[in-house]
PDB file of N, CA and C in Angstrom:
ATOM      1  N   MET A   1       0.820  -1.194   0.000  1.00  0.00           N
ATOM      2  CA  MET A   1       0.000   0.000   0.000  1.00  0.00           C
ATOM      3  C   MET A   1       0.870   1.266   0.000  1.00  0.00           C
ATOM      4  N   ARG A   2       1.928   1.198   0.821  1.00  0.00           N
ATOM      5  CA  ARG A   2       2.809   2.351   0.910  1.00  0.00           C
ATOM      6  C   ARG A   2       3.542   2.583  -0.406  1.00  0.00           C
ATOM      7  N   GLU A   3       3.937   1.495  -1.044  1.00  0.00           N
ATOM      8  CA  GLU A   3       4.653   1.611  -2.304  1.00  0.00           C
ATOM      9  C   GLU A   3       3.764   2.202  -3.390  1.00  0.00           C
ATOM     10  N   SER A   4       2.481   1.871  -3.384  1.00  0.00           N
ATOM     11  CA  SER A   4       1.582   2.412  -4.404  1.00  0.00           C
ATOM     12  C   SER A   4       1.357   3.913  -4.189  1.00  0.00           C
ATOM     13  N   ARG A   5       1.308   4.350  -2.931  1.00  0.00           N
ATOM     14  CA  ARG A   5       1.183   5.791  -2.665  1.00  0.00           C
ATOM     15  C   ARG A   5       2.431   6.533  -3.123  1.00  0.00           C
ATOM     16  N   LEU A   6       3.566   5.956  -2.830  1.00  0.00           N
ATOM     17  CA  LEU A   6       4.822   6.569  -3.246  1.00  0.00           C
ATOM     18  C   LEU A   6       4.916   6.645  -4.763  1.00  0.00           C
ATOM     19  N   LEU A   7       4.531   5.572  -5.437  1.00  0.00           N
ATOM     20  CA  LEU A   7       4.553   5.552  -6.895  1.00  0.00           C
ATOM     21  C   LEU A   7       3.570   6.572  -7.469  1.00  0.00           C
ATOM     22  N   LEU A   8       2.375   6.650  -6.906  1.00  0.00           N
ATOM     23  CA  LEU A   8       1.382   7.619  -7.357  1.00  0.00           C
ATOM     24  C   LEU A   8       1.873   9.054  -7.129  1.00  0.00           C
ATOM     25  N   GLY A   9       2.468   9.291  -5.977  1.00  0.00           N
ATOM     26  CA  GLY A   9       3.008  10.619  -5.693  1.00  0.00           C
ATOM     27  C   GLY A   9       4.113  11.007  -6.652  1.00  0.00           C
ATOM     28  N   MET A  10       4.992  10.077  -6.972  1.00  0.00           N
ATOM     29  CA  MET A  10       6.064  10.357  -7.919  1.00  0.00           C
ATOM     30  C   MET A  10       5.511  10.627  -9.310  1.00  0.00           C
ATOM     31  N   MET A  11       4.472   9.894  -9.697  1.00  0.00           N
ATOM     32  CA  MET A  11       3.871  10.110 -11.023  1.00  0.00           C
ATOM     33  C   MET A  11       3.219  11.486 -11.103  1.00  0.00           C
ATOM     34  N   VAL A  12       2.540  11.891 -10.032  1.00  0.00           N
ATOM     35  CA  VAL A  12       1.917  13.217 -10.016  1.00  0.00           C
ATOM     36  C   VAL A  12       2.996  14.297 -10.066  1.00  0.00           C
ATOM     37  N   LEU A  13       4.068  14.125  -9.304  1.00  0.00           N
ATOM     38  CA  LEU A  13       5.162  15.098  -9.305  1.00  0.00           C
ATOM     39  C   LEU A  13       5.801  15.214 -10.686  1.00  0.00           C
ATOM     40  N   ILE A  14       6.045  14.108 -11.329  1.00  0.00           N
ATOM     41  CA  ILE A  14       6.636  14.122 -12.669  1.00  0.00           C
ATOM     42  C   ILE A  14       5.684  14.787 -13.661  1.00  0.00           C
ATOM     43  N   ALA A  15       4.380  14.487 -13.556  1.00  0.00           N
ATOM     44  CA  ALA A  15       3.408  15.100 -14.462  1.00  0.00           C
ATOM     45  C   ALA A  15       3.352  16.612 -14.277  1.00  0.00           C
ATOM     46  N   VAL A  16       3.428  17.076 -13.038  1.00  0.00           N
ATOM     47  CA  VAL A  16       3.406  18.520 -12.782  1.00  0.00           C
ATOM     48  C   VAL A  16       4.670  19.173 -13.311  1.00  0.00           C
ATOM     49  N   LEU A  17       5.823  18.555 -13.077  1.00  0.00           N
ATOM     50  CA  LEU A  17       7.084  19.141 -13.535  1.00  0.00           C
ATOM     51  C   LEU A  17       7.197  19.158 -15.055  1.00  0.00           C
ATOM     52  N   VAL A  18       6.749  18.101 -15.702  1.00  0.00           N
ATOM     53  CA  VAL A  18       6.846  18.024 -17.158  1.00  0.00           C
ATOM     54  C   VAL A  18       5.812  18.916 -17.821  1.00  0.00           C
ATOM     55  N   GLY A  19       4.621  18.956 -17.283  1.00  0.00           N
ATOM     56  CA  GLY A  19       3.550  19.725 -17.898  1.00  0.00           C
ATOM     57  C   GLY A  19       3.537  21.193 -17.521  1.00  0.00           C
ATOM     58  N   GLY A  20       4.441  21.625 -16.656  1.00  0.00           N
ATOM     59  CA  GLY A  20       4.446  23.007 -16.201  1.00  0.00           C
ATOM     60  C   GLY A  20       4.699  24.011 -17.299  1.00  0.00           C
ATOM     61  N   CYS A  21       5.509  23.676 -18.250  1.00  0.00           N
ATOM     62  CA  CYS A  21       5.866  24.606 -19.321  1.00  0.00           C
ATOM     63  C   CYS A  21       5.075  24.357 -20.598  1.00  0.00           C
ATOM     64  N   ALA A  22       4.188  23.405 -20.583  1.00  0.00           N
ATOM     65  CA  ALA A  22       3.485  23.048 -21.814  1.00  0.00           C
ATOM     66  C   ALA A  22       2.582  24.160 -22.307  1.00  0.00           C
ATOM     67  N   GLY A  23       1.998  24.921 -21.428  1.00  0.00           N
ATOM     68  CA  GLY A  23       1.062  25.963 -21.842  1.00  0.00           C
ATOM     69  C   GLY A  23       1.661  27.355 -21.842  1.00  0.00           C
ATOM     70  N   ALA A  24       2.963  27.478 -21.801  1.00  0.00           N
ATOM     71  CA  ALA A  24       3.605  28.791 -21.733  1.00  0.00           C
ATOM     72  C   ALA A  24       3.459  29.525 -23.058  1.00  0.00           C
ATOM     73  N   GLN A  25       3.199  30.805 -22.961  1.00  0.00           N
ATOM     74  CA  GLN A  25       3.078  31.649 -24.143  1.00  0.00           C
ATOM     75  C   GLN A  25       4.456  32.193 -24.510  1.00  0.00           C
ATOM     76  N   PRO A  26       4.656  32.581 -25.759  1.00  0.00           N
ATOM     77  CA  PRO A  26       5.937  33.171 -26.132  1.00  0.00           C
ATOM     78  C   PRO A  26       6.184  34.459 -25.356  1.00  0.00           C
ATOM     79  N   VAL A  27       7.438  34.723 -25.071  1.00  0.00           N
ATOM     80  CA  VAL A  27       7.810  35.848 -24.228  1.00  0.00           C
ATOM     81  C   VAL A  27       7.858  37.151 -25.003  1.00  0.00           C
ATOM     82  N   SER A  28       7.989  37.112 -26.300  1.00  0.00           N
ATOM     83  CA  SER A  28       8.177  38.341 -27.064  1.00  0.00           C
ATOM     84  C   SER A  28       6.960  39.249 -26.946  1.00  0.00           C
ATOM     85  N   GLN A  29       7.233  40.498 -26.623  1.00  0.00           N
ATOM     86  CA  GLN A  29       6.193  41.517 -26.534  1.00  0.00           C
ATOM     87  C   GLN A  29       6.656  42.708 -27.353  1.00  0.00           C
ATOM     88  N   SER A  30       5.727  43.321 -28.019  1.00  0.00           N
ATOM     89  CA  SER A  30       6.109  44.465 -28.839  1.00  0.00           C
ATOM     90  C   SER A  30       5.926  45.754 -28.050  1.00  0.00           C
ATOM     91  N   TYR A  31       6.751  46.712 -28.333  1.00  0.00           N
ATOM     92  CA  TYR A  31       6.661  48.015 -27.708  1.00  0.00           C
ATOM     93  C   TYR A  31       5.589  48.819 -28.418  1.00  0.00           C
ATOM     94  N   GLN A  32       4.645  49.316 -27.646  1.00  0.00           N
ATOM     95  CA  GLN A  32       3.571  50.098 -28.228  1.00  0.00           C
ATOM     96  C   GLN A  32       3.824  51.573 -27.961  1.00  0.00           C
ATOM     97  N   ALA A  33       3.598  52.387 -28.963  1.00  0.00           N
ATOM     98  CA  ALA A  33       3.781  53.822 -28.803  1.00  0.00           C
ATOM     99  C   ALA A  33       2.775  54.354 -27.794  1.00  0.00           C
ATOM    100  N   GLY A  34       3.228  55.241 -26.958  1.00  0.00           N
ATOM    101  CA  GLY A  34       2.343  55.850 -25.981  1.00  0.00           C
ATOM    102  C   GLY A  34       2.349  55.155 -24.634  1.00  0.00           C
ATOM    103  N   THR A  35       3.029  54.039 -24.514  1.00  0.00           N
ATOM    104  CA  THR A  35       3.136  53.383 -23.218  1.00  0.00           C
ATOM    105  C   THR A  35       4.581  53.428 -22.755  1.00  0.00           C
ATOM    106  N   ALA A  36       4.769  53.463 -21.453  1.00  0.00           N
ATOM    107  CA  ALA A  36       6.121  53.521 -20.898  1.00  0.00           C
ATOM    108  C   ALA A  36       6.708  52.123 -20.839  1.00  0.00           C
ATOM    109  N   TRP A  37       7.894  51.957 -21.341  1.00  0.00           N
ATOM    110  CA  TRP A  37       8.613  50.699 -21.259  1.00  0.00           C
ATOM    111  C   TRP A  37       9.088  50.527 -19.823  1.00  0.00           C
ATOM    112  N   PRO A  38       8.871  49.368 -19.197  1.00  0.00           N
ATOM    113  CA  PRO A  38       9.182  49.228 -17.778  1.00  0.00           C
ATOM    114  C   PRO A  38      10.646  49.437 -17.431  1.00  0.00           C
ATOM    115  N   LEU A  39      11.551  49.151 -18.358  1.00  0.00           N
ATOM    116  CA  LEU A  39      12.967  49.297 -18.066  1.00  0.00           C
ATOM    117  C   LEU A  39      13.537  50.621 -18.555  1.00  0.00           C
ATOM    118  N   ASP A  40      12.699  51.507 -19.024  1.00  0.00           N
ATOM    119  CA  ASP A  40      13.157  52.794 -19.527  1.00  0.00           C
ATOM    120  C   ASP A  40      13.530  53.688 -18.355  1.00  0.00           C
ATOM    121  N   SER A  41      14.740  54.248 -18.383  1.00  0.00           N
ATOM    122  CA  SER A  41      15.169  55.101 -17.283  1.00  0.00           C
ATOM    123  C   SER A  41      14.418  56.418 -17.255  1.00  0.00           C
ATOM    124  N   LEU A  42      13.770  56.774 -18.308  1.00  0.00           N
ATOM    125  CA  LEU A  42      13.016  58.024 -18.354  1.00  0.00           C
ATOM    126  C   LEU A  42      11.520  57.785 -18.237  1.00  0.00           C
ATOM    127  N   SER A  43      11.122  56.652 -17.685  1.00  0.00           N
ATOM    128  CA  SER A  43       9.697  56.345 -17.620  1.00  0.00           C
ATOM    129  C   SER A  43       8.947  57.314 -16.720  1.00  0.00           C
ATOM    130  N   TYR A  44       9.666  57.967 -15.801  1.00  0.00           N
ATOM    131  CA  TYR A  44       8.996  58.942 -14.950  1.00  0.00           C
ATOM    132  C   TYR A  44       8.500  60.138 -15.750  1.00  0.00           C
ATOM    133  N   LEU A  45       9.074  60.374 -16.921  1.00  0.00           N
ATOM    134  CA  LEU A  45       8.609  61.479 -17.748  1.00  0.00           C
ATOM    135  C   LEU A  45       7.284  61.161 -18.430  1.00  0.00           C
ATOM    136  N   TYR A  46       6.978  59.867 -18.553  1.00  0.00           N
ATOM    137  CA  TYR A  46       5.783  59.460 -19.271  1.00  0.00           C
ATOM    138  C   TYR A  46       4.535  59.419 -18.389  1.00  0.00           C
ATOM    139  N   THR A  47       4.727  59.431 -17.106  1.00  0.00           N
ATOM    140  CA  THR A  47       3.593  59.309 -16.203  1.00  0.00           C
ATOM    141  C   THR A  47       3.500  60.530 -15.319  1.00  0.00           C
ATOM    142  N   ASP A  48       2.314  60.775 -14.828  1.00  0.00           N
ATOM    143  CA  ASP A  48       2.076  61.864 -13.896  1.00  0.00           C
ATOM    144  C   ASP A  48       1.856  61.243 -12.525  1.00  0.00           C
ATOM    145  N   PRO A  49       2.844  61.295 -11.621  1.00  0.00           N
ATOM    146  CA  PRO A  49       2.686  60.620 -10.330  1.00  0.00           C
ATOM    147  C   PRO A  49       1.556  61.196  -9.489  1.00  0.00           C
ATOM    148  N   VAL A  50       1.241  62.474  -9.646  1.00  0.00           N
ATOM    149  CA  VAL A  50       0.154  63.064  -8.878  1.00  0.00           C
ATOM    150  C   VAL A  50      -1.177  62.490  -9.331  1.00  0.00           C
ATOM    151  N   ALA A  51      -1.330  62.290 -10.618  1.00  0.00           N
ATOM    152  CA  ALA A  51      -2.577  61.738 -11.135  1.00  0.00           C
ATOM    153  C   ALA A  51      -2.733  60.274 -10.754  1.00  0.00           C
ATOM    154  N   ASN A  52      -1.623  59.549 -10.600  1.00  0.00           N
ATOM    155  CA  ASN A  52      -1.693  58.129 -10.284  1.00  0.00           C
ATOM    156  C   ASN A  52      -1.752  57.844  -8.793  1.00  0.00           C
ATOM    157  N   SER A  53      -1.459  58.821  -7.946  1.00  0.00           N
ATOM    158  CA  SER A  53      -1.446  58.582  -6.513  1.00  0.00           C
ATOM    159  C   SER A  53      -2.832  58.798  -5.926  1.00  0.00           C
ATOM    160  N   PRO A  54      -3.149  58.074  -4.868  1.00  0.00           N
ATOM    161  CA  PRO A  54      -4.448  58.265  -4.239  1.00  0.00           C
ATOM    162  C   PRO A  54      -4.521  59.606  -3.527  1.00  0.00           C
ATOM    163  N   VAL A  55      -5.743  60.054  -3.254  1.00  0.00           N
ATOM    164  CA  VAL A  55      -5.929  61.338  -2.590  1.00  0.00           C
ATOM    165  C   VAL A  55      -5.371  61.286  -1.173  1.00  0.00           C
ATOM    166  N   ASP A  56      -5.691  60.237  -0.449  1.00  0.00           N
ATOM    167  CA  ASP A  56      -5.185  60.075   0.915  1.00  0.00           C
ATOM    168  C   ASP A  56      -4.058  59.054   0.887  1.00  0.00           C
ATOM    169  N   ASP A  57      -2.841  59.515   1.136  1.00  0.00           N
ATOM    170  CA  ASP A  57      -1.694  58.625   1.097  1.00  0.00           C
ATOM    171  C   ASP A  57      -1.686  57.750   2.345  1.00  0.00           C
ATOM    172  N   ASN A  58      -0.913  56.685   2.310  1.00  0.00           N
ATOM    173  CA  ASN A  58      -0.848  55.737   3.408  1.00  0.00           C
ATOM    174  C   ASN A  58      -0.178  56.388   4.618  1.00  0.00           C
ATOM    175  N   PRO A  59      -0.775  56.308   5.803  1.00  0.00           N
ATOM    176  CA  PRO A  59      -0.172  56.923   6.997  1.00  0.00           C
ATOM    177  C   PRO A  59       1.161  56.295   7.380  1.00  0.00           C
ATOM    178  N   ILE A  60       1.387  55.029   7.015  1.00  0.00           N
ATOM    179  CA  ILE A  60       2.677  54.411   7.330  1.00  0.00           C
ATOM    180  C   ILE A  60       3.785  55.104   6.546  1.00  0.00           C
ATOM    181  N   ARG A  61       3.477  55.564   5.348  1.00  0.00           N
ATOM    182  CA  ARG A  61       4.474  56.311   4.572  1.00  0.00           C
ATOM    183  C   ARG A  61       4.797  57.624   5.263  1.00  0.00           C
ATOM    184  N   TRP A  62       3.790  58.273   5.843  1.00  0.00           N
ATOM    185  CA  TRP A  62       4.034  59.506   6.593  1.00  0.00           C
ATOM    186  C   TRP A  62       4.952  59.218   7.778  1.00  0.00           C
ATOM    187  N   LEU A  63       4.711  58.084   8.446  1.00  0.00           N
ATOM    188  CA  LEU A  63       5.555  57.703   9.570  1.00  0.00           C
ATOM    189  C   LEU A  63       6.996  57.476   9.105  1.00  0.00           C
ATOM    190  N   GLY A  64       7.146  56.887   7.933  1.00  0.00           N
ATOM    191  CA  GLY A  64       8.489  56.686   7.383  1.00  0.00           C
ATOM    192  C   GLY A  64       9.193  58.001   7.114  1.00  0.00           C
ATOM    193  N   PHE A  65       8.463  58.987   6.589  1.00  0.00           N
ATOM    194  CA  PHE A  65       9.068  60.299   6.363  1.00  0.00           C
ATOM    195  C   PHE A  65       9.468  60.949   7.679  1.00  0.00           C
ATOM    196  N   LEU A  66       8.653  60.765   8.711  1.00  0.00           N
ATOM    197  CA  LEU A  66       8.967  61.370  10.002  1.00  0.00           C
ATOM    198  C   LEU A  66      10.141  60.682  10.695  1.00  0.00           C
ATOM    199  N   LEU A  67      10.265  59.373  10.528  1.00  0.00           N
ATOM    200  CA  LEU A  67      11.329  58.621  11.199  1.00  0.00           C
ATOM    201  C   LEU A  67      12.637  58.589  10.414  1.00  0.00           C
ATOM    202  N   ASN A  68      12.640  59.003   9.153  1.00  0.00           N
ATOM    203  CA  ASN A  68      13.860  58.968   8.349  1.00  0.00           C
ATOM    204  C   ASN A  68      14.993  59.791   8.958  1.00  0.00           C
ATOM    205  N   PRO A  69      14.768  61.010   9.448  1.00  0.00           N
ATOM    206  CA  PRO A  69      15.888  61.747  10.055  1.00  0.00           C
ATOM    207  C   PRO A  69      16.492  61.034  11.262  1.00  0.00           C
ATOM    208  N   ILE A  70      15.674  60.311  12.012  1.00  0.00           N
ATOM    209  CA  ILE A  70      16.201  59.560  13.158  1.00  0.00           C
ATOM    210  C   ILE A  70      17.107  58.431  12.667  1.00  0.00           C
ATOM    211  N   GLY A  71      16.690  57.746  11.606  1.00  0.00           N
ATOM    212  CA  GLY A  71      17.509  56.674  11.048  1.00  0.00           C
ATOM    213  C   GLY A  71      18.817  57.189  10.474  1.00  0.00           C
ATOM    214  N   VAL A  72      18.772  58.338   9.815  1.00  0.00           N
ATOM    215  CA  VAL A  72      19.997  58.918   9.258  1.00  0.00           C
ATOM    216  C   VAL A  72      20.932  59.331  10.391  1.00  0.00           C
ATOM    217  N   ALA A  73      20.369  59.919  11.447  1.00  0.00           N
ATOM    218  CA  ALA A  73      21.197  60.318  12.588  1.00  0.00           C
ATOM    219  C   ALA A  73      21.843  59.102  13.251  1.00  0.00           C
ATOM    220  N   LEU A  74      21.094  58.002  13.392  1.00  0.00           N
ATOM    221  CA  LEU A  74      21.673  56.784  13.962  1.00  0.00           C
ATOM    222  C   LEU A  74      22.742  56.187  13.046  1.00  0.00           C
ATOM    223  N   ASP A  75      22.542  56.288  11.737  1.00  0.00           N
ATOM    224  CA  ASP A  75      23.542  55.787  10.799  1.00  0.00           C
ATOM    225  C   ASP A  75      24.850  56.556  10.940  1.00  0.00           C
ATOM    226  N   TYR A  76      24.749  57.885  10.959  1.00  0.00           N
ATOM    227  CA  TYR A  76      25.959  58.697  11.065  1.00  0.00           C
ATOM    228  C   TYR A  76      26.535  58.699  12.476  1.00  0.00           C
ATOM    229  N   GLY A  77      25.684  58.581  13.507  1.00  0.00           N
ATOM    230  CA  GLY A  77      26.172  58.676  14.879  1.00  0.00           C
ATOM    231  C   GLY A  77      26.620  57.362  15.475  1.00  0.00           C
ATOM    232  N   VAL A  78      26.068  56.236  15.024  1.00  0.00           N
ATOM    233  CA  VAL A  78      26.384  54.950  15.639  1.00  0.00           C
ATOM    234  C   VAL A  78      27.011  53.987  14.627  1.00  0.00           C
ATOM    235  N   ASN A  79      26.337  53.754  13.520  1.00  0.00           N
ATOM    236  CA  ASN A  79      26.745  52.702  12.594  1.00  0.00           C
ATOM    237  C   ASN A  79      28.086  53.002  11.918  1.00  0.00           C
ATOM    238  N   ARG A  80      28.216  54.176  11.356  1.00  0.00           N
ATOM    239  CA  ARG A  80      29.457  54.503  10.634  1.00  0.00           C
ATOM    240  C   ARG A  80      30.667  54.564  11.555  1.00  0.00           C
ATOM    241  N   PRO A  81      30.556  55.170  12.758  1.00  0.00           N
ATOM    242  CA  PRO A  81      31.722  55.118  13.649  1.00  0.00           C
ATOM    243  C   PRO A  81      32.100  53.699  14.065  1.00  0.00           C
ATOM    244  N   LEU A  82      31.112  52.817  14.256  1.00  0.00           N
ATOM    245  CA  LEU A  82      31.439  51.441  14.602  1.00  0.00           C
ATOM    246  C   LEU A  82      32.149  50.727  13.457  1.00  0.00           C
ATOM    247  N   TYR A  83      31.728  50.972  12.227  1.00  0.00           N
ATOM    248  CA  TYR A  83      32.426  50.395  11.077  1.00  0.00           C
ATOM    249  C   TYR A  83      33.854  50.935  10.990  1.00  0.00           C
ATOM    250  N   SER A  84      34.028  52.227  11.235  1.00  0.00           N
ATOM    251  CA  SER A  84      35.375  52.800  11.184  1.00  0.00           C
ATOM    252  C   SER A  84      36.246  52.229  12.288  1.00  0.00           C
ATOM    253  N   LEU A  85      35.693  52.050  13.491  1.00  0.00           N
ATOM    254  CA  LEU A  85      36.439  51.463  14.592  1.00  0.00           C
ATOM    255  C   LEU A  85      36.816  50.013  14.273  1.00  0.00           C
ATOM    256  N   ALA A  86      35.877  49.255  13.730  1.00  0.00           N
ATOM    257  CA  ALA A  86      36.136  47.852  13.409  1.00  0.00           C
ATOM    258  C   ALA A  86      37.146  47.710  12.283  1.00  0.00           C
ATOM    259  N   SER A  87      37.189  48.665  11.374  1.00  0.00           N
ATOM    260  CA  SER A  87      38.158  48.561  10.271  1.00  0.00           C
ATOM    261  C   SER A  87      39.584  48.760  10.752  1.00  0.00           C
ATOM    262  N   GLY A  88      39.767  49.364  11.919  1.00  0.00           N
ATOM    263  CA  GLY A  88      41.117  49.535  12.460  1.00  0.00           C
ATOM    264  C   GLY A  88      41.723  48.241  12.950  1.00  0.00           C
ATOM    265  N   SER A  89      40.918  47.324  13.467  1.00  0.00           N
ATOM    266  CA  SER A  89      41.382  46.019  13.950  1.00  0.00           C
ATOM    267  C   SER A  89      40.454  44.933  13.419  1.00  0.00           C
ATOM    268  N   PRO A  90      40.621  44.557  12.162  1.00  0.00           N
ATOM    269  CA  PRO A  90      39.686  43.595  11.579  1.00  0.00           C
ATOM    270  C   PRO A  90      39.691  42.236  12.271  1.00  0.00           C
ATOM    271  N   ALA A  91      40.855  41.771  12.739  1.00  0.00           N
ATOM    272  CA  ALA A  91      40.906  40.448  13.375  1.00  0.00           C
ATOM    273  C   ALA A  91      40.182  40.461  14.715  1.00  0.00           C
ATOM    274  N   LEU A  92      40.258  41.558  15.432  1.00  0.00           N
ATOM    275  CA  LEU A  92      39.617  41.652  16.737  1.00  0.00           C
ATOM    276  C   LEU A  92      38.103  41.728  16.629  1.00  0.00           C
ATOM    277  N   PHE A  93      37.606  42.487  15.664  1.00  0.00           N
ATOM    278  CA  PHE A  93      36.173  42.720  15.547  1.00  0.00           C
ATOM    279  C   PHE A  93      35.492  41.835  14.506  1.00  0.00           C
ATOM    280  N   GLY A  94      36.228  41.026  13.762  1.00  0.00           N
ATOM    281  CA  GLY A  94      35.618  40.177  12.740  1.00  0.00           C
ATOM    282  C   GLY A  94      35.202  40.960  11.513  1.00  0.00           C
ATOM    283  N   TYR A  95      35.912  42.019  11.219  1.00  0.00           N
ATOM    284  CA  TYR A  95      35.630  42.878  10.068  1.00  0.00           C
ATOM    285  C   TYR A  95      36.129  42.167   8.815  1.00  0.00           C
ATOM    286  N   THR A  96      35.209  41.777   7.945  1.00  0.00           N
ATOM    287  CA  THR A  96      35.543  40.965   6.775  1.00  0.00           C
ATOM    288  C   THR A  96      35.754  41.850   5.541  1.00  0.00           C
ATOM    289  N   PRO A  97      36.319  41.291   4.471  1.00  0.00           N
ATOM    290  CA  PRO A  97      36.436  42.057   3.228  1.00  0.00           C
ATOM    291  C   PRO A  97      35.074  42.489   2.679  1.00  0.00           C
ATOM    292  N   GLU A  98      34.038  41.686   2.933  1.00  0.00           N
ATOM    293  CA  GLU A  98      32.696  42.086   2.503  1.00  0.00           C
ATOM    294  C   GLU A  98      32.229  43.326   3.244  1.00  0.00           C
ATOM    295  N   ASP A  99      32.537  43.403   4.549  1.00  0.00           N
ATOM    296  CA  ASP A  99      32.206  44.605   5.317  1.00  0.00           C
ATOM    297  C   ASP A  99      32.941  45.818   4.766  1.00  0.00           C
ATOM    298  N   ALA A 100      34.220  45.634   4.419  1.00  0.00           N
ATOM    299  CA  ALA A 100      34.999  46.743   3.869  1.00  0.00           C
ATOM    300  C   ALA A 100      34.423  47.211   2.542  1.00  0.00           C
ATOM    301  N   ALA A 101      33.996  46.271   1.709  1.00  0.00           N
ATOM    302  CA  ALA A 101      33.421  46.646   0.408  1.00  0.00           C
ATOM    303  C   ALA A 101      32.113  47.405   0.603  1.00  0.00           C
ATOM    304  N   LEU A 102      31.268  46.938   1.521  1.00  0.00           N
ATOM    305  CA  LEU A 102      30.008  47.636   1.769  1.00  0.00           C
ATOM    306  C   LEU A 102      30.241  49.014   2.375  1.00  0.00           C
ATOM    307  N   HIS A 103      31.205  49.095   3.306  1.00  0.00           N
ATOM    308  CA  HIS A 103      31.487  50.381   3.949  1.00  0.00           C
ATOM    309  C   HIS A 103      32.081  51.386   2.963  1.00  0.00           C
ATOM    310  N   SER A 104      32.842  50.903   1.983  1.00  0.00           N
ATOM    311  CA  SER A 104      33.442  51.823   1.005  1.00  0.00           C
ATOM    312  C   SER A 104      32.409  52.354   0.018  1.00  0.00           C
ATOM    313  N   GLN A 105      31.270  51.683  -0.116  1.00  0.00           N
ATOM    314  CA  GLN A 105      30.244  52.126  -1.055  1.00  0.00           C
ATOM    315  C   GLN A 105      29.269  53.130  -0.440  1.00  0.00           C
ATOM    316  N   ARG A 106      29.399  53.415   0.838  1.00  0.00           N
ATOM    317  CA  ARG A 106      28.500  54.373   1.468  1.00  0.00           C
ATOM    318  C   ARG A 106      28.788  55.770   0.941  1.00  0.00           C
ATOM    319  N   PRO A 107      27.745  56.529   0.662  1.00  0.00           N
ATOM    320  CA  PRO A 107      27.985  57.917   0.250  1.00  0.00           C
ATOM    321  C   PRO A 107      28.500  58.732   1.438  1.00  0.00           C
ATOM    322  N   ASN A 108      29.466  59.584   1.164  1.00  0.00           N
ATOM    323  CA  ASN A 108      30.030  60.405   2.235  1.00  0.00           C
ATOM    324  C   ASN A 108      29.285  61.701   2.431  1.00  0.00           C
ATOM    325  N   ARG A 109      28.454  62.051   1.483  1.00  0.00           N
ATOM    326  CA  ARG A 109      27.724  63.306   1.553  1.00  0.00           C
ATOM    327  C   ARG A 109      26.246  63.041   1.469  1.00  0.00           C
ATOM    328  N   SER A 110      25.477  64.047   1.746  1.00  0.00           N
ATOM    329  CA  SER A 110      24.025  63.893   1.713  1.00  0.00           C
ATOM    330  C   SER A 110      23.563  63.858   0.256  1.00  0.00           C
ATOM    331  N   TYR A 111      22.303  63.553   0.070  1.00  0.00           N
ATOM    332  CA  TYR A 111      21.734  63.464  -1.266  1.00  0.00           C
ATOM    333  C   TYR A 111      21.303  64.814  -1.792  1.00  0.00           C
ATOM    334  N   GLY A 112      21.546  65.861  -1.068  1.00  0.00           N
ATOM    335  CA  GLY A 112      21.133  67.202  -1.484  1.00  0.00           C
ATOM    336  C   GLY A 112      22.026  67.735  -2.588  1.00  0.00           C
ATOM    337  N   VAL A 113      21.998  69.043  -2.762  1.00  0.00           N
ATOM    338  CA  VAL A 113      22.785  69.708  -3.807  1.00  0.00           C
ATOM    339  C   VAL A 113      24.254  69.565  -3.463  1.00  0.00           C
ATOM    340  N   GLN A 114      25.035  69.148  -4.424  1.00  0.00           N
ATOM    341  CA  GLN A 114      26.468  68.905  -4.219  1.00  0.00           C
ATOM    342  C   GLN A 114      27.255  70.179  -4.283  1.00  0.00           C
TER     343      GLN A 114
END
């Protein structure tokens, strides 16, 4: 009885795996004039974000805007000094080459006007 269940289960699994791609449609899609291509770097020029956004925005997003300065202050006041301290003695603190690569990619200035 157990062997027949196992055999039936394997047959169903094989049928699902083999038949999974049988009904797939071709991937080619044509670009239509007047629509924004999803990978276009200038797609923001094609849409009006004010027209697409709801009248009442999500309150969690407002909370994110309010808490962002606290996160930036913690990044500059706690996280970055700890990375700099750990980079001085990598063997003592377990500072890996991956940590060094990530720390070197941090922007040193704000995102405002340069």
